[in-house]
Amino acid sequence: MPKFTALLIDDEEELVTTLVERLEYRGIEAEYALDGYQALNKMREKKFQVVVLDLKLPGMDGLEVLRKINQGYPDIPVLLITGHGSPEDKMSLKPDGAADYLVKPINLEDLIAKMEEAVGKS
C-alpha cells in the first residue's frame, strides 16, 4: 500500500516524469499533469493527498490552478515549486493557500519530507 497519493503539475515533462518515477520507487503513488486543465480533470477523477504545483504553466498559470484547487479541494495541501526566487525569500513569495514553497532544482529528499509534512497536517 502506498504511503500517500500525490499529483505533480509541471509543464517540464522530463522533470515531472522522472520525479513520479523516483517517488513511486519510494512507495509514494504519484501521477502527473502537464497543465492546470489536465490537473483539475485528474483531481475530479481521483483523490490525491498532496499536490505539487509549478507556478509557471501554459494556459492557466499556477496561481490560478492554486485558487481552483483551494476552492474545490480545500483539504488537499499544495506545495509550490518554481525556478525563480530563492529559499531565503520563500515566505514572502508563498501565496495564501500554499502549504510550502520549493525552488528548482528540486532535491528529492526535501520534496518527500515536505510532502510527508503536508500530508500529516491535512
N, C-alpha and C. Protein backbone atom coordinates (compact mmCIF):
# COMPACT_ATOMS: atom_id res chain seq x y z
N MET A 1 0.84 -1.18 0.00
CA MET A 1 0.00 0.00 0.00
C MET A 1 0.89 1.25 0.00
N PRO A 2 0.56 2.24 -0.83
CA PRO A 2 1.41 3.43 -0.91
C PRO A 2 1.35 4.26 0.36
N LYS A 3 2.44 5.02 0.61
CA LYS A 3 2.47 5.93 1.76
C LYS A 3 1.37 6.97 1.64
N PHE A 4 1.23 7.55 0.44
CA PHE A 4 0.18 8.52 0.14
C PHE A 4 0.14 8.73 -1.36
N THR A 5 -0.86 9.47 -1.84
CA THR A 5 -1.01 9.74 -3.25
C THR A 5 -0.69 11.21 -3.54
N ALA A 6 0.03 11.44 -4.63
CA ALA A 6 0.46 12.79 -4.97
C ALA A 6 0.20 13.07 -6.45
N LEU A 7 -0.15 14.32 -6.73
CA LEU A 7 -0.27 14.79 -8.10
C LEU A 7 0.77 15.87 -8.32
N LEU A 8 1.63 15.69 -9.31
CA LEU A 8 2.65 16.68 -9.65
C LEU A 8 2.23 17.39 -10.93
N ILE A 9 2.24 18.72 -10.89
CA ILE A 9 1.81 19.52 -12.03
C ILE A 9 2.97 20.40 -12.48
N ASP A 10 3.50 20.10 -13.66
CA ASP A 10 4.63 20.84 -14.20
C ASP A 10 4.67 20.62 -15.70
N ASP A 11 4.96 21.66 -16.47
CA ASP A 11 5.00 21.52 -17.91
C ASP A 11 6.33 20.98 -18.43
N GLU A 12 7.31 20.81 -17.54
CA GLU A 12 8.58 20.20 -17.94
C GLU A 12 8.42 18.68 -17.83
N GLU A 13 8.02 18.07 -18.95
CA GLU A 13 7.66 16.65 -18.94
C GLU A 13 8.79 15.74 -18.45
N GLU A 14 10.01 15.99 -18.89
CA GLU A 14 11.12 15.14 -18.47
C GLU A 14 11.32 15.21 -16.95
N LEU A 15 11.24 16.40 -16.39
CA LEU A 15 11.39 16.57 -14.95
C LEU A 15 10.28 15.86 -14.19
N VAL A 16 9.05 16.10 -14.57
CA VAL A 16 7.92 15.58 -13.81
C VAL A 16 7.80 14.06 -13.94
N THR A 17 8.10 13.50 -15.09
CA THR A 17 8.05 12.04 -15.22
C THR A 17 9.15 11.38 -14.39
N THR A 18 10.31 12.00 -14.36
CA THR A 18 11.41 11.48 -13.53
C THR A 18 11.04 11.54 -12.05
N LEU A 19 10.46 12.65 -11.61
CA LEU A 19 10.05 12.77 -10.21
C LEU A 19 9.00 11.71 -9.85
N VAL A 20 8.03 11.51 -10.72
CA VAL A 20 7.00 10.50 -10.48
C VAL A 20 7.63 9.12 -10.32
N GLU A 21 8.55 8.79 -11.22
CA GLU A 21 9.25 7.50 -11.15
C GLU A 21 9.99 7.34 -9.82
N ARG A 22 10.72 8.37 -9.43
CA ARG A 22 11.52 8.30 -8.20
C ARG A 22 10.63 8.26 -6.96
N LEU A 23 9.50 8.95 -6.98
CA LEU A 23 8.57 8.90 -5.85
C LEU A 23 7.95 7.51 -5.73
N GLU A 24 7.55 6.95 -6.86
CA GLU A 24 6.94 5.61 -6.83
C GLU A 24 7.94 4.57 -6.32
N TYR A 25 9.19 4.73 -6.68
CA TYR A 25 10.24 3.83 -6.19
C TYR A 25 10.31 3.86 -4.66
N ARG A 26 9.95 5.00 -4.08
CA ARG A 26 9.97 5.17 -2.62
C ARG A 26 8.61 4.92 -1.96
N GLY A 27 7.69 4.31 -2.71
CA GLY A 27 6.42 3.90 -2.12
C GLY A 27 5.33 4.96 -2.12
N ILE A 28 5.51 6.00 -2.90
CA ILE A 28 4.51 7.07 -2.99
C ILE A 28 3.80 6.92 -4.33
N GLU A 29 2.49 6.80 -4.30
CA GLU A 29 1.73 6.70 -5.55
C GLU A 29 1.63 8.09 -6.15
N ALA A 30 2.22 8.28 -7.33
CA ALA A 30 2.29 9.61 -7.93
C ALA A 30 1.82 9.59 -9.37
N GLU A 31 1.15 10.68 -9.75
CA GLU A 31 0.75 10.91 -11.13
C GLU A 31 1.16 12.33 -11.49
N TYR A 32 1.11 12.64 -12.78
CA TYR A 32 1.48 13.99 -13.19
C TYR A 32 0.50 14.55 -14.20
N ALA A 33 0.51 15.87 -14.28
CA ALA A 33 -0.24 16.60 -15.29
C ALA A 33 0.69 17.68 -15.84
N LEU A 34 0.55 17.98 -17.12
CA LEU A 34 1.43 18.95 -17.76
C LEU A 34 0.85 20.36 -17.81
N ASP A 35 -0.41 20.51 -17.41
CA ASP A 35 -1.00 21.85 -17.33
C ASP A 35 -2.15 21.82 -16.31
N GLY A 36 -2.66 22.99 -16.02
CA GLY A 36 -3.69 23.11 -14.99
C GLY A 36 -4.99 22.42 -15.35
N TYR A 37 -5.39 22.47 -16.61
CA TYR A 37 -6.65 21.85 -17.03
C TYR A 37 -6.58 20.34 -16.85
N GLN A 38 -5.47 19.75 -17.28
CA GLN A 38 -5.27 18.30 -17.13
C GLN A 38 -5.25 17.93 -15.64
N ALA A 39 -4.62 18.77 -14.82
CA ALA A 39 -4.54 18.50 -13.39
C ALA A 39 -5.92 18.51 -12.74
N LEU A 40 -6.72 19.53 -13.05
CA LEU A 40 -8.06 19.61 -12.46
C LEU A 40 -8.94 18.45 -12.90
N ASN A 41 -8.78 18.00 -14.15
CA ASN A 41 -9.52 16.81 -14.61
C ASN A 41 -9.10 15.58 -13.81
N LYS A 42 -7.81 15.41 -13.59
CA LYS A 42 -7.33 14.26 -12.81
C LYS A 42 -7.86 14.32 -11.38
N MET A 43 -7.93 15.53 -10.82
CA MET A 43 -8.41 15.67 -9.44
C MET A 43 -9.90 15.34 -9.33
N ARG A 44 -10.66 15.55 -10.40
CA ARG A 44 -12.07 15.18 -10.40
C ARG A 44 -12.23 13.66 -10.43
N GLU A 45 -11.27 12.97 -11.03
CA GLU A 45 -11.34 11.52 -11.21
C GLU A 45 -10.76 10.73 -10.03
N LYS A 46 -9.83 11.34 -9.30
CA LYS A 46 -9.10 10.59 -8.26
C LYS A 46 -8.80 11.48 -7.07
N LYS A 47 -8.75 10.89 -5.90
CA LYS A 47 -8.44 11.63 -4.66
C LYS A 47 -6.93 11.59 -4.43
N PHE A 48 -6.33 12.76 -4.38
CA PHE A 48 -4.91 12.89 -4.06
C PHE A 48 -4.78 13.47 -2.67
N GLN A 49 -3.71 13.12 -1.97
CA GLN A 49 -3.49 13.62 -0.62
C GLN A 49 -2.60 14.85 -0.59
N VAL A 50 -1.84 15.08 -1.66
CA VAL A 50 -0.98 16.25 -1.76
C VAL A 50 -0.76 16.58 -3.24
N VAL A 51 -0.63 17.88 -3.51
CA VAL A 51 -0.37 18.35 -4.87
C VAL A 51 0.93 19.14 -4.86
N VAL A 52 1.76 18.90 -5.87
CA VAL A 52 2.99 19.67 -6.07
C VAL A 52 2.79 20.44 -7.37
N LEU A 53 2.81 21.76 -7.29
CA LEU A 53 2.38 22.63 -8.39
C LEU A 53 3.45 23.62 -8.79
N ASP A 54 3.81 23.62 -10.07
CA ASP A 54 4.73 24.61 -10.61
C ASP A 54 3.96 25.91 -10.84
N LEU A 55 4.59 27.04 -10.56
CA LEU A 55 3.93 28.33 -10.76
C LEU A 55 3.82 28.73 -12.22
N LYS A 56 4.80 28.33 -13.03
CA LYS A 56 4.81 28.70 -14.45
C LYS A 56 4.24 27.56 -15.28
N LEU A 57 3.02 27.76 -15.76
CA LEU A 57 2.35 26.74 -16.58
C LEU A 57 1.76 27.41 -17.81
N PRO A 58 1.64 26.65 -18.91
CA PRO A 58 0.99 27.21 -20.09
C PRO A 58 -0.52 27.31 -19.87
N GLY A 59 -1.15 28.28 -20.49
CA GLY A 59 -2.60 28.43 -20.36
C GLY A 59 -2.95 29.02 -19.01
N MET A 60 -3.46 28.21 -18.14
CA MET A 60 -3.82 28.62 -16.78
C MET A 60 -2.56 28.60 -15.92
N ASP A 61 -2.16 29.75 -15.36
CA ASP A 61 -0.92 29.77 -14.57
C ASP A 61 -1.11 29.10 -13.21
N GLY A 62 0.01 28.86 -12.54
CA GLY A 62 -0.01 28.13 -11.29
C GLY A 62 -0.84 28.77 -10.20
N LEU A 63 -0.85 30.10 -10.13
CA LEU A 63 -1.65 30.78 -9.10
C LEU A 63 -3.15 30.55 -9.32
N GLU A 64 -3.57 30.53 -10.58
CA GLU A 64 -4.98 30.26 -10.88
C GLU A 64 -5.32 28.81 -10.54
N VAL A 65 -4.42 27.88 -10.85
CA VAL A 65 -4.63 26.48 -10.50
C VAL A 65 -4.71 26.35 -8.98
N LEU A 66 -3.83 27.03 -8.26
CA LEU A 66 -3.85 27.01 -6.79
C LEU A 66 -5.21 27.49 -6.27
N ARG A 67 -5.73 28.58 -6.81
CA ARG A 67 -7.04 29.10 -6.38
C ARG A 67 -8.14 28.06 -6.62
N LYS A 68 -8.11 27.44 -7.79
CA LYS A 68 -9.15 26.45 -8.11
C LYS A 68 -9.04 25.21 -7.21
N ILE A 69 -7.83 24.79 -6.91
CA ILE A 69 -7.66 23.64 -6.01
C ILE A 69 -8.16 24.01 -4.61
N ASN A 70 -7.79 25.20 -4.15
CA ASN A 70 -8.23 25.63 -2.81
C ASN A 70 -9.75 25.75 -2.72
N GLN A 71 -10.38 26.17 -3.81
CA GLN A 71 -11.84 26.29 -3.82
C GLN A 71 -12.51 24.92 -3.85
N GLY A 72 -12.04 24.06 -4.73
CA GLY A 72 -12.69 22.77 -4.92
C GLY A 72 -12.23 21.67 -3.99
N TYR A 73 -11.01 21.79 -3.48
CA TYR A 73 -10.41 20.73 -2.65
C TYR A 73 -9.65 21.38 -1.49
N PRO A 74 -10.34 22.08 -0.61
CA PRO A 74 -9.65 22.87 0.42
C PRO A 74 -8.83 22.05 1.42
N ASP A 75 -9.10 20.76 1.51
CA ASP A 75 -8.36 19.92 2.47
C ASP A 75 -7.10 19.30 1.87
N ILE A 76 -6.81 19.54 0.58
CA ILE A 76 -5.62 18.97 -0.04
C ILE A 76 -4.51 20.01 -0.02
N PRO A 77 -3.39 19.71 0.66
CA PRO A 77 -2.27 20.67 0.69
C PRO A 77 -1.58 20.78 -0.67
N VAL A 78 -1.15 21.99 -0.98
CA VAL A 78 -0.47 22.26 -2.24
C VAL A 78 0.92 22.82 -1.95
N LEU A 79 1.93 22.15 -2.48
CA LEU A 79 3.31 22.63 -2.40
C LEU A 79 3.64 23.29 -3.73
N LEU A 80 4.16 24.50 -3.68
CA LEU A 80 4.51 25.21 -4.90
C LEU A 80 5.99 25.00 -5.23
N ILE A 81 6.28 24.88 -6.53
CA ILE A 81 7.66 24.82 -6.98
C ILE A 81 7.85 25.86 -8.08
N THR A 82 9.04 26.40 -8.15
CA THR A 82 9.34 27.36 -9.21
C THR A 82 10.84 27.39 -9.47
N GLY A 83 11.19 27.86 -10.63
CA GLY A 83 12.60 28.03 -10.98
C GLY A 83 13.08 29.42 -10.64
N HIS A 84 12.21 30.23 -10.03
CA HIS A 84 12.53 31.62 -9.71
C HIS A 84 12.49 31.83 -8.20
N GLY A 85 13.29 32.74 -7.71
CA GLY A 85 13.33 33.00 -6.27
C GLY A 85 14.42 32.19 -5.61
N SER A 86 14.51 32.32 -4.31
CA SER A 86 15.49 31.58 -3.55
C SER A 86 14.85 31.07 -2.27
N PRO A 87 15.43 30.07 -1.65
CA PRO A 87 14.85 29.55 -0.41
C PRO A 87 14.71 30.63 0.66
N GLU A 88 15.60 31.61 0.67
CA GLU A 88 15.57 32.65 1.71
C GLU A 88 14.31 33.52 1.62
N ASP A 89 13.81 33.74 0.40
CA ASP A 89 12.65 34.61 0.29
C ASP A 89 11.36 33.84 0.06
N LYS A 90 11.35 32.56 0.37
CA LYS A 90 10.18 31.74 0.08
C LYS A 90 8.93 32.19 0.83
N MET A 91 9.08 32.66 2.05
CA MET A 91 7.89 33.05 2.80
C MET A 91 7.24 34.29 2.20
N SER A 92 8.03 35.20 1.67
CA SER A 92 7.44 36.39 1.06
C SER A 92 6.84 36.07 -0.31
N LEU A 93 7.30 35.00 -0.96
CA LEU A 93 6.79 34.63 -2.26
C LEU A 93 5.62 33.65 -2.18
N LYS A 94 5.45 32.97 -1.05
CA LYS A 94 4.44 31.93 -0.93
C LYS A 94 3.04 32.54 -0.87
N PRO A 95 2.21 32.28 -1.86
CA PRO A 95 0.85 32.82 -1.84
C PRO A 95 -0.02 32.15 -0.79
N ASP A 96 -1.06 32.84 -0.37
CA ASP A 96 -2.03 32.23 0.54
C ASP A 96 -2.60 30.98 -0.10
N GLY A 97 -2.80 29.96 0.71
CA GLY A 97 -3.36 28.72 0.21
C GLY A 97 -2.32 27.68 -0.13
N ALA A 98 -1.06 28.04 -0.10
CA ALA A 98 0.01 27.08 -0.39
C ALA A 98 0.58 26.57 0.93
N ALA A 99 0.83 25.27 0.99
CA ALA A 99 1.38 24.67 2.21
C ALA A 99 2.85 25.01 2.37
N ASP A 100 3.59 25.05 1.27
CA ASP A 100 5.02 25.36 1.31
C ASP A 100 5.50 25.69 -0.09
N TYR A 101 6.78 25.97 -0.22
CA TYR A 101 7.36 26.51 -1.44
C TYR A 101 8.75 25.91 -1.63
N LEU A 102 9.02 25.36 -2.81
CA LEU A 102 10.34 24.81 -3.12
C LEU A 102 10.88 25.46 -4.39
N VAL A 103 12.19 25.65 -4.43
CA VAL A 103 12.83 26.26 -5.59
C VAL A 103 13.57 25.17 -6.37
N LYS A 104 13.42 25.20 -7.70
CA LYS A 104 14.15 24.26 -8.57
C LYS A 104 15.61 24.64 -8.59
N PRO A 105 16.54 23.71 -8.75
CA PRO A 105 16.29 22.28 -8.91
C PRO A 105 15.81 21.67 -7.59
N ILE A 106 14.93 20.72 -7.71
CA ILE A 106 14.29 20.11 -6.54
C ILE A 106 15.14 18.97 -6.01
N ASN A 107 15.41 19.03 -4.72
CA ASN A 107 16.07 17.93 -4.03
C ASN A 107 14.98 16.93 -3.65
N LEU A 108 15.09 15.70 -4.12
CA LEU A 108 14.04 14.71 -3.92
C LEU A 108 13.75 14.47 -2.44
N GLU A 109 14.78 14.38 -1.63
CA GLU A 109 14.57 14.12 -0.20
C GLU A 109 13.84 15.29 0.46
N ASP A 110 14.17 16.53 0.07
CA ASP A 110 13.45 17.69 0.60
C ASP A 110 11.99 17.66 0.17
N LEU A 111 11.75 17.32 -1.09
CA LEU A 111 10.39 17.24 -1.60
C LEU A 111 9.58 16.21 -0.82
N ILE A 112 10.14 15.03 -0.64
CA ILE A 112 9.43 13.97 0.09
C ILE A 112 9.14 14.41 1.53
N ALA A 113 10.12 15.02 2.18
CA ALA A 113 9.93 15.49 3.55
C ALA A 113 8.80 16.52 3.62
N LYS A 114 8.77 17.46 2.69
CA LYS A 114 7.72 18.48 2.68
C LYS A 114 6.36 17.87 2.35
N MET A 115 6.33 16.89 1.47
CA MET A 115 5.09 16.21 1.14
C MET A 115 4.56 15.44 2.36
N GLU A 116 5.45 14.72 3.04
CA GLU A 116 5.04 13.97 4.24
C GLU A 116 4.52 14.92 5.32
N GLU A 117 5.20 16.06 5.50
CA GLU A 117 4.76 17.04 6.47
C GLU A 117 3.38 17.59 6.11
N ALA A 118 3.18 17.91 4.85
CA ALA A 118 1.90 18.48 4.40
C ALA A 118 0.77 17.46 4.56
N VAL A 119 1.02 16.20 4.21
CA VAL A 119 0.00 15.15 4.34
C VAL A 119 -0.32 14.93 5.83
N GLY A 120 0.71 14.97 6.67
CA GLY A 120 0.49 14.78 8.10
C GLY A 120 -0.34 15.87 8.74
N LYS A 121 -0.26 17.09 8.21
CA LYS A 121 -1.02 18.22 8.75
C LYS A 121 -2.45 18.26 8.24
N SER A 122 -2.70 17.61 7.10
CA SER A 122 -4.05 17.71 6.49
C SER A 122 -5.03 16.73 7.10
